[in-house]
Amino acid sequence: GSLRLSCIASGSISSINGMYWYRQAPGKQR
């Protein structure tokens, strides 16, 4: 199947360069 994740930023957004997605599974490192 498929999923779509979204992330909205607010605040000091003009300084943003990289936008990342990380994940962490149980018992594992991010």
Full PDB file with SEQRES, HELIX, SHEET, SSBOND, CRYST1, ORIGX, SCALE, CONECT and MASTER records, all heavy atoms in Angstrom:
SEQRES   1 A   30  GLY SER LEU ARG LEU SER CYS ILE ALA SER GLY SER ILE          
SEQRES   2 A   30  SER SER ILE ASN GLY MET TYR TRP TYR ARG GLN ALA PRO          
SEQRES   3 A   30  GLY LYS GLN ARG                                              
HELIX    1 AA1 ILE A   13  SER A   15  5                                   3    
CRYST1    1.000    1.000    1.000  90.00  90.00  90.00 P 1           1          
ORIGX1      1.000000  0.000000  0.000000        0.00000                         
ORIGX2      0.000000  1.000000  0.000000        0.00000                         
ORIGX3      0.000000  0.000000  1.000000        0.00000                         
SCALE1      1.000000  0.000000  0.000000        0.00000                         
SCALE2      0.000000  1.000000  0.000000        0.00000                         
SCALE3      0.000000  0.000000  1.000000        0.00000                         
ATOM      1  N   GLY A   1       0.797  -1.209   0.000  1.00  0.00           N  
ATOM      2  CA  GLY A   1       0.000   0.000   0.000  1.00  0.00           C  
ATOM      3  C   GLY A   1       0.833   1.265   0.000  1.00  0.00           C  
ATOM      4  O   GLY A   1       2.078   1.224  -0.056  1.00  0.00           O  
ATOM      5  N   SER A   2       0.149   2.384   0.082  1.00  0.00           N  
ATOM      6  CA  SER A   2       0.806   3.687   0.036  1.00  0.00           C  
ATOM      7  C   SER A   2       0.324   4.571   1.179  1.00  0.00           C  
ATOM      8  O   SER A   2      -0.802   4.427   1.663  1.00  0.00           O  
ATOM      9  CB  SER A   2       0.497   4.392  -1.294  1.00  0.00           C  
ATOM     10  OG  SER A   2       0.993   3.671  -2.392  1.00  0.00           O  
ATOM     11  N   LEU A   3       1.205   5.461   1.583  1.00  0.00           N  
ATOM     12  CA  LEU A   3       0.854   6.493   2.550  1.00  0.00           C  
ATOM     13  C   LEU A   3       1.561   7.779   2.142  1.00  0.00           C  
ATOM     14  O   LEU A   3       2.646   7.744   1.540  1.00  0.00           O  
ATOM     15  CB  LEU A   3       1.292   6.113   3.970  1.00  0.00           C  
ATOM     16  CG  LEU A   3       0.437   5.121   4.745  1.00  0.00           C  
ATOM     17  CD1 LEU A   3       1.127   4.763   6.066  1.00  0.00           C  
ATOM     18  CD2 LEU A   3      -0.947   5.664   4.999  1.00  0.00           C  
ATOM     19  N   ARG A   4       0.960   8.874   2.525  1.00  0.00           N  
ATOM     20  CA  ARG A   4       1.535  10.188   2.229  1.00  0.00           C  
ATOM     21  C   ARG A   4       1.697  10.944   3.538  1.00  0.00           C  
ATOM     22  O   ARG A   4       0.702  11.228   4.214  1.00  0.00           O  
ATOM     23  CB  ARG A   4       0.613  10.945   1.275  1.00  0.00           C  
ATOM     24  CG  ARG A   4       1.062  12.326   0.863  1.00  0.00           C  
ATOM     25  CD  ARG A   4      -0.004  12.935  -0.051  1.00  0.00           C  
ATOM     26  NE  ARG A   4       0.247  14.317  -0.391  1.00  0.00           N  
ATOM     27  CZ  ARG A   4       0.912  14.716  -1.441  1.00  0.00           C  
ATOM     28  NH1 ARG A   4       1.421  13.829  -2.268  1.00  0.00           N  
ATOM     29  NH2 ARG A   4       1.080  16.007  -1.684  1.00  0.00           N  
ATOM     30  N   LEU A   5       2.917  11.236   3.882  1.00  0.00           N  
ATOM     31  CA  LEU A   5       3.205  11.987   5.094  1.00  0.00           C  
ATOM     32  C   LEU A   5       3.429  13.452   4.733  1.00  0.00           C  
ATOM     33  O   LEU A   5       4.119  13.751   3.751  1.00  0.00           O  
ATOM     34  CB  LEU A   5       4.449  11.441   5.792  1.00  0.00           C  
ATOM     35  CG  LEU A   5       4.463   9.956   6.133  1.00  0.00           C  
ATOM     36  CD1 LEU A   5       5.741   9.605   6.891  1.00  0.00           C  
ATOM     37  CD2 LEU A   5       3.247   9.556   6.931  1.00  0.00           C  
ATOM     38  N   SER A   6       2.869  14.314   5.553  1.00  0.00           N  
ATOM     39  CA  SER A   6       3.052  15.750   5.348  1.00  0.00           C  
ATOM     40  C   SER A   6       3.603  16.385   6.606  1.00  0.00           C  
ATOM     41  O   SER A   6       3.350  15.912   7.716  1.00  0.00           O  
ATOM     42  CB  SER A   6       1.717  16.404   4.995  1.00  0.00           C  
ATOM     43  OG  SER A   6       1.212  15.939   3.774  1.00  0.00           O  
ATOM     44  N   CYS A   7       4.329  17.453   6.419  1.00  0.00           N  
ATOM     45  CA  CYS A   7       4.905  18.183   7.542  1.00  0.00           C  
ATOM     46  C   CYS A   7       4.838  19.671   7.221  1.00  0.00           C  
ATOM     47  O   CYS A   7       5.309  20.097   6.158  1.00  0.00           O  
ATOM     48  CB  CYS A   7       6.343  17.738   7.771  1.00  0.00           C  
ATOM     49  SG  CYS A   7       7.228  18.636   9.069  1.00  0.00           S  
ATOM     50  N   ILE A   8       4.240  20.411   8.125  1.00  0.00           N  
ATOM     51  CA  ILE A   8       4.110  21.860   7.948  1.00  0.00           C  
ATOM     52  C   ILE A   8       5.011  22.562   8.953  1.00  0.00           C  
ATOM     53  O   ILE A   8       4.976  22.241  10.148  1.00  0.00           O  
ATOM     54  CB  ILE A   8       2.661  22.314   8.132  1.00  0.00           C  
ATOM     55  CG1 ILE A   8       1.763  21.628   7.105  1.00  0.00           C  
ATOM     56  CG2 ILE A   8       2.547  23.821   8.008  1.00  0.00           C  
ATOM     57  CD1 ILE A   8       0.291  21.926   7.289  1.00  0.00           C  
ATOM     58  N   ALA A   9       5.801  23.492   8.458  1.00  0.00           N  
ATOM     59  CA  ALA A   9       6.712  24.253   9.301  1.00  0.00           C  
ATOM     60  C   ALA A   9       6.164  25.643   9.571  1.00  0.00           C  
ATOM     61  O   ALA A   9       5.520  26.249   8.718  1.00  0.00           O  
ATOM     62  CB  ALA A   9       8.079  24.356   8.642  1.00  0.00           C  
ATOM     63  N   SER A  10       6.439  26.135  10.760  1.00  0.00           N  
ATOM     64  CA  SER A  10       6.086  27.506  11.114  1.00  0.00           C  
ATOM     65  C   SER A  10       7.198  28.076  11.978  1.00  0.00           C  
ATOM     66  O   SER A  10       8.022  27.349  12.525  1.00  0.00           O  
ATOM     67  CB  SER A  10       4.746  27.560  11.838  1.00  0.00           C  
ATOM     68  OG  SER A  10       4.784  26.805  13.032  1.00  0.00           O  
ATOM     69  N   GLY A  11       7.202  29.387  12.102  1.00  0.00           N  
ATOM     70  CA  GLY A  11       8.241  30.042  12.880  1.00  0.00           C  
ATOM     71  C   GLY A  11       9.275  30.670  11.978  1.00  0.00           C  
ATOM     72  O   GLY A  11       8.932  31.315  10.985  1.00  0.00           O  
ATOM     73  N   SER A  12      10.537  30.452  12.284  1.00  0.00           N  
ATOM     74  CA  SER A  12      11.647  31.065  11.528  1.00  0.00           C  
ATOM     75  C   SER A  12      11.920  30.269  10.257  1.00  0.00           C  
ATOM     76  O   SER A  12      13.009  29.718  10.070  1.00  0.00           O  
ATOM     77  CB  SER A  12      12.902  31.121  12.396  1.00  0.00           C  
ATOM     78  OG  SER A  12      12.670  31.877  13.569  1.00  0.00           O  
ATOM     79  N   ILE A  13      10.942  30.243   9.373  1.00  0.00           N  
ATOM     80  CA  ILE A  13      11.008  29.363   8.205  1.00  0.00           C  
ATOM     81  C   ILE A  13      11.940  29.881   7.125  1.00  0.00           C  
ATOM     82  O   ILE A  13      12.383  29.115   6.280  1.00  0.00           O  
ATOM     83  CB  ILE A  13       9.601  29.131   7.626  1.00  0.00           C  
ATOM     84  CG1 ILE A  13       8.932  30.478   7.322  1.00  0.00           C  
ATOM     85  CG2 ILE A  13       8.766  28.306   8.590  1.00  0.00           C  
ATOM     86  CD1 ILE A  13       7.577  30.349   6.690  1.00  0.00           C  
ATOM     87  N   SER A  14      12.261  31.145   7.148  1.00  0.00           N  
ATOM     88  CA  SER A  14      13.118  31.690   6.093  1.00  0.00           C  
ATOM     89  C   SER A  14      14.529  31.125   6.168  1.00  0.00           C  
ATOM     90  O   SER A  14      15.267  31.147   5.191  1.00  0.00           O  
ATOM     91  CB  SER A  14      13.170  33.213   6.184  1.00  0.00           C  
ATOM     92  OG  SER A  14      13.720  33.622   7.420  1.00  0.00           O  
ATOM     93  N   SER A  15      14.889  30.600   7.331  1.00  0.00           N  
ATOM     94  CA  SER A  15      16.238  30.062   7.510  1.00  0.00           C  
ATOM     95  C   SER A  15      16.351  28.585   7.170  1.00  0.00           C  
ATOM     96  O   SER A  15      17.424  28.007   7.262  1.00  0.00           O  
ATOM     97  CB  SER A  15      16.688  30.283   8.962  1.00  0.00           C  
ATOM     98  OG  SER A  15      15.831  29.597   9.842  1.00  0.00           O  
ATOM     99  N   ILE A  16      15.250  27.976   6.777  1.00  0.00           N  
ATOM    100  CA  ILE A  16      15.257  26.536   6.497  1.00  0.00           C  
ATOM    101  C   ILE A  16      16.002  26.222   5.211  1.00  0.00           C  
ATOM    102  O   ILE A  16      15.748  26.833   4.181  1.00  0.00           O  
ATOM    103  CB  ILE A  16      13.823  25.976   6.415  1.00  0.00           C  
ATOM    104  CG1 ILE A  16      13.160  26.037   7.792  1.00  0.00           C  
ATOM    105  CG2 ILE A  16      13.836  24.546   5.894  1.00  0.00           C  
ATOM    106  CD1 ILE A  16      11.706  25.651   7.777  1.00  0.00           C  
ATOM    107  N   ASN A  17      16.921  25.242   5.280  1.00  0.00           N  
ATOM    108  CA  ASN A  17      17.563  24.740   4.075  1.00  0.00           C  
ATOM    109  C   ASN A  17      17.092  23.310   3.829  1.00  0.00           C  
ATOM    110  O   ASN A  17      16.192  23.068   3.034  1.00  0.00           O  
ATOM    111  CB  ASN A  17      19.078  24.819   4.202  1.00  0.00           C  
ATOM    112  CG  ASN A  17      19.779  24.389   2.914  1.00  0.00           C  
ATOM    113  OD1 ASN A  17      19.140  24.110   1.900  1.00  0.00           O  
ATOM    114  ND2 ASN A  17      21.095  24.334   2.950  1.00  0.00           N  
ATOM    115  N   GLY A  18      17.674  22.363   4.522  1.00  0.00           N  
ATOM    116  CA  GLY A  18      17.263  20.982   4.320  1.00  0.00           C  
ATOM    117  C   GLY A  18      15.974  20.637   5.043  1.00  0.00           C  
ATOM    118  O   GLY A  18      15.734  21.086   6.156  1.00  0.00           O  
ATOM    119  N   MET A  19      15.140  19.839   4.378  1.00  0.00           N  
ATOM    120  CA  MET A  19      13.932  19.307   5.001  1.00  0.00           C  
ATOM    121  C   MET A  19      14.050  17.792   4.920  1.00  0.00           C  
ATOM    122  O   MET A  19      14.274  17.238   3.835  1.00  0.00           O  
ATOM    123  CB  MET A  19      12.673  19.816   4.296  1.00  0.00           C  
ATOM    124  CG  MET A  19      12.592  21.329   4.272  1.00  0.00           C  
ATOM    125  SD  MET A  19      11.055  21.986   3.587  1.00  0.00           S  
ATOM    126  CE  MET A  19       9.983  21.904   5.040  1.00  0.00           C  
ATOM    127  N   TYR A  20      13.902  17.131   6.048  1.00  0.00           N  
ATOM    128  CA  TYR A  20      14.256  15.724   6.193  1.00  0.00           C  
ATOM    129  C   TYR A  20      13.059  14.884   6.652  1.00  0.00           C  
ATOM    130  O   TYR A  20      12.172  15.364   7.357  1.00  0.00           O  
ATOM    131  CB  TYR A  20      15.336  15.558   7.265  1.00  0.00           C  
ATOM    132  CG  TYR A  20      16.598  16.338   7.063  1.00  0.00           C  
ATOM    133  CD1 TYR A  20      16.650  17.709   7.308  1.00  0.00           C  
ATOM    134  CD2 TYR A  20      17.773  15.701   6.662  1.00  0.00           C  
ATOM    135  CE1 TYR A  20      17.825  18.426   7.148  1.00  0.00           C  
ATOM    136  CE2 TYR A  20      18.958  16.414   6.505  1.00  0.00           C  
ATOM    137  CZ  TYR A  20      18.972  17.765   6.747  1.00  0.00           C  
ATOM    138  OH  TYR A  20      20.147  18.469   6.589  1.00  0.00           O  
ATOM    139  N   TRP A  21      13.117  13.622   6.292  1.00  0.00           N  
ATOM    140  CA  TRP A  21      12.296  12.596   6.917  1.00  0.00           C  
ATOM    141  C   TRP A  21      13.234  11.526   7.472  1.00  0.00           C  
ATOM    142  O   TRP A  21      14.079  11.002   6.740  1.00  0.00           O  
ATOM    143  CB  TRP A  21      11.316  11.962   5.939  1.00  0.00           C  
ATOM    144  CG  TRP A  21      10.169  12.848   5.608  1.00  0.00           C  
ATOM    145  CD1 TRP A  21      10.006  13.636   4.505  1.00  0.00           C  
ATOM    146  CD2 TRP A  21       9.000  13.057   6.412  1.00  0.00           C  
ATOM    147  NE1 TRP A  21       8.825  14.320   4.567  1.00  0.00           N  
ATOM    148  CE2 TRP A  21       8.176  13.979   5.727  1.00  0.00           C  
ATOM    149  CE3 TRP A  21       8.558  12.558   7.647  1.00  0.00           C  
ATOM    150  CZ2 TRP A  21       6.947  14.412   6.224  1.00  0.00           C  
ATOM    151  CZ3 TRP A  21       7.344  12.980   8.140  1.00  0.00           C  
ATOM    152  CH2 TRP A  21       6.554  13.899   7.431  1.00  0.00           C  
ATOM    153  N   TYR A  22      13.077  11.262   8.744  1.00  0.00           N  
ATOM    154  CA  TYR A  22      13.778  10.189   9.425  1.00  0.00           C  
ATOM    155  C   TYR A  22      12.746   9.178   9.897  1.00  0.00           C  
ATOM    156  O   TYR A  22      11.555   9.466   9.949  1.00  0.00           O  
ATOM    157  CB  TYR A  22      14.529  10.716  10.650  1.00  0.00           C  
ATOM    158  CG  TYR A  22      15.837  11.401  10.366  1.00  0.00           C  
ATOM    159  CD1 TYR A  22      15.874  12.719   9.918  1.00  0.00           C  
ATOM    160  CD2 TYR A  22      17.051  10.739  10.569  1.00  0.00           C  
ATOM    161  CE1 TYR A  22      17.087  13.350   9.673  1.00  0.00           C  
ATOM    162  CE2 TYR A  22      18.258  11.374  10.334  1.00  0.00           C  
ATOM    163  CZ  TYR A  22      18.271  12.673   9.890  1.00  0.00           C  
ATOM    164  OH  TYR A  22      19.471  13.304   9.651  1.00  0.00           O  
ATOM    165  N   ARG A  23      13.220   8.022  10.285  1.00  0.00           N  
ATOM    166  CA  ARG A  23      12.335   7.038  10.904  1.00  0.00           C  
ATOM    167  C   ARG A  23      13.088   6.263  11.967  1.00  0.00           C  
ATOM    168  O   ARG A  23      14.311   6.145  11.914  1.00  0.00           O  
ATOM    169  CB  ARG A  23      11.741   6.087   9.879  1.00  0.00           C  
ATOM    170  CG  ARG A  23      12.728   5.128   9.240  1.00  0.00           C  
ATOM    171  CD  ARG A  23      12.034   4.309   8.149  1.00  0.00           C  
ATOM    172  NE  ARG A  23      12.934   3.322   7.545  1.00  0.00           N  
ATOM    173  CZ  ARG A  23      12.608   2.586   6.487  1.00  0.00           C  
ATOM    174  NH1 ARG A  23      11.401   2.730   5.916  1.00  0.00           N  
ATOM    175  NH2 ARG A  23      13.454   1.707   6.000  1.00  0.00           N  
ATOM    176  N   GLN A  24      12.315   5.765  12.918  1.00  0.00           N  
ATOM    177  CA  GLN A  24      12.901   4.952  13.989  1.00  0.00           C  
ATOM    178  C   GLN A  24      11.979   3.782  14.278  1.00  0.00           C  
ATOM    179  O   GLN A  24      10.830   3.970  14.705  1.00  0.00           O  
ATOM    180  CB  GLN A  24      13.134   5.771  15.246  1.00  0.00           C  
ATOM    181  CG  GLN A  24      13.892   5.025  16.316  1.00  0.00           C  
ATOM    182  CD  GLN A  24      14.412   5.940  17.417  1.00  0.00           C  
ATOM    183  OE1 GLN A  24      13.940   7.051  17.597  1.00  0.00           O  
ATOM    184  NE2 GLN A  24      15.407   5.464  18.153  1.00  0.00           N  
ATOM    185  N   ALA A  25      12.490   2.603  14.016  1.00  0.00           N  
ATOM    186  CA  ALA A  25      11.754   1.386  14.309  1.00  0.00           C  
ATOM    187  C   ALA A  25      12.070   0.938  15.733  1.00  0.00           C  
ATOM    188  O   ALA A  25      13.121   1.299  16.286  1.00  0.00           O  
ATOM    189  CB  ALA A  25      12.130   0.294  13.312  1.00  0.00           C  
ATOM    190  N   PRO A  26      11.183   0.153  16.341  1.00  0.00           N  
ATOM    191  CA  PRO A  26      11.434  -0.308  17.715  1.00  0.00           C  
ATOM    192  C   PRO A  26      12.775  -1.024  17.844  1.00  0.00           C  
ATOM    193  O   PRO A  26      13.095  -1.906  17.034  1.00  0.00           O  
ATOM    194  CB  PRO A  26      10.271  -1.263  17.967  1.00  0.00           C  
ATOM    195  CG  PRO A  26       9.193  -0.800  17.062  1.00  0.00           C  
ATOM    196  CD  PRO A  26       9.894  -0.305  15.826  1.00  0.00           C  
ATOM    197  N   GLY A  27      13.565  -0.606  18.812  1.00  0.00           N  
ATOM    198  CA  GLY A  27      14.849  -1.241  19.068  1.00  0.00           C  
ATOM    199  C   GLY A  27      15.954  -0.866  18.110  1.00  0.00           C  
ATOM    200  O   GLY A  27      17.052  -1.433  18.167  1.00  0.00           O  
ATOM    201  N   LYS A  28      15.668   0.079  17.215  1.00  0.00           N  
ATOM    202  CA  LYS A  28      16.668   0.478  16.229  1.00  0.00           C  
ATOM    203  C   LYS A  28      16.976   1.959  16.341  1.00  0.00           C  
ATOM    204  O   LYS A  28      16.222   2.734  16.922  1.00  0.00           O  
ATOM    205  CB  LYS A  28      16.183   0.148  14.818  1.00  0.00           C  
ATOM    206  CG  LYS A  28      16.038  -1.336  14.556  1.00  0.00           C  
ATOM    207  CD  LYS A  28      15.756  -1.606  13.092  1.00  0.00           C  
ATOM    208  CE  LYS A  28      15.689  -3.095  12.805  1.00  0.00           C  
ATOM    209  NZ  LYS A  28      15.428  -3.372  11.370  1.00  0.00           N  
ATOM    210  N   GLN A  29      18.104   2.342  15.761  1.00  0.00           N  
ATOM    211  CA  GLN A  29      18.469   3.754  15.758  1.00  0.00           C  
ATOM    212  C   GLN A  29      17.648   4.523  14.721  1.00  0.00           C  
ATOM    213  O   GLN A  29      17.161   3.945  13.740  1.00  0.00           O  
ATOM    214  CB  GLN A  29      19.961   3.902  15.437  1.00  0.00           C  
ATOM    215  CG  GLN A  29      20.887   3.438  16.553  1.00  0.00           C  
ATOM    216  CD  GLN A  29      22.341   3.796  16.284  1.00  0.00           C  
ATOM    217  OE1 GLN A  29      22.766   3.885  15.134  1.00  0.00           O  
ATOM    218  NE2 GLN A  29      23.113   4.016  17.335  1.00  0.00           N  
ATOM    219  N   ARG A  30      17.518   5.805  14.983  1.00  0.00           N  
ATOM    220  CA  ARG A  30      16.841   6.663  14.017  1.00  0.00           C  
ATOM    221  C   ARG A  30      17.689   6.722  12.752  1.00  0.00           C  
ATOM    222  O   ARG A  30      18.908   6.862  12.815  1.00  0.00           O  
ATOM    223  CB  ARG A  30      16.641   8.051  14.601  1.00  0.00           C  
ATOM    224  CG  ARG A  30      15.722   8.940  13.811  1.00  0.00           C  
ATOM    225  CD  ARG A  30      15.390  10.209  14.569  1.00  0.00           C  
ATOM    226  NE  ARG A  30      14.670   9.935  15.810  1.00  0.00           N  
ATOM    227  CZ  ARG A  30      14.130  10.884  16.568  1.00  0.00           C  
ATOM    228  NH1 ARG A  30      14.222  12.166  16.198  1.00  0.00           N  
ATOM    229  NH2 ARG A  30      13.508  10.578  17.684  1.00  0.00           N  
TER     230      ARG A  30                                                      
MASTER        0    0    0    1    0    0    0    6  229    1    0    3          
END                                                                             
